[in-house]
C-alpha cells in the first residue's frame, strides 16, 4: 500500500482496484495472480507528464521507476506461484498417500 498507494488511477488501477486501501490492494494482487497485471504494472510506473510530480510526497501521484515496478511484480508472481504450486502438489500427494493407506489395509477400490 505504501509503495503504490498514491499512484494516479488509469486503465489497470481503477476506483475499486487500487493500492489505497488494504482490501483493494488484495483485490489488485488477486487480479495480478490471475494474469491481468500488465495494465496494473503500466499504471504503477506512470511518470511525468502523465502525472503530477511534486517534491512533496503528499501531492505526488507519479509511480515508481520501471525497474522497481518490474522487480515488485515479478518477485510477487514468482513467490505466489511457488506457494500455490506447493499447495497443489501437497494436496495430490496427500490424496495418493491416503489411497495407498486404504490399499494397505485391504480395502482397495
Foldseek 3Di string as FASTA:
>chain_A
DVQQQQADADDLDDPQQGDVDPVNPVVSLVCLLVPPCPVVLVSQQADPPVWDPDPDPVRGRHHDHSVVSVVVSVVSNVVVVVVVVVVVVVVVVVVVVVQVVCVVVPNHD
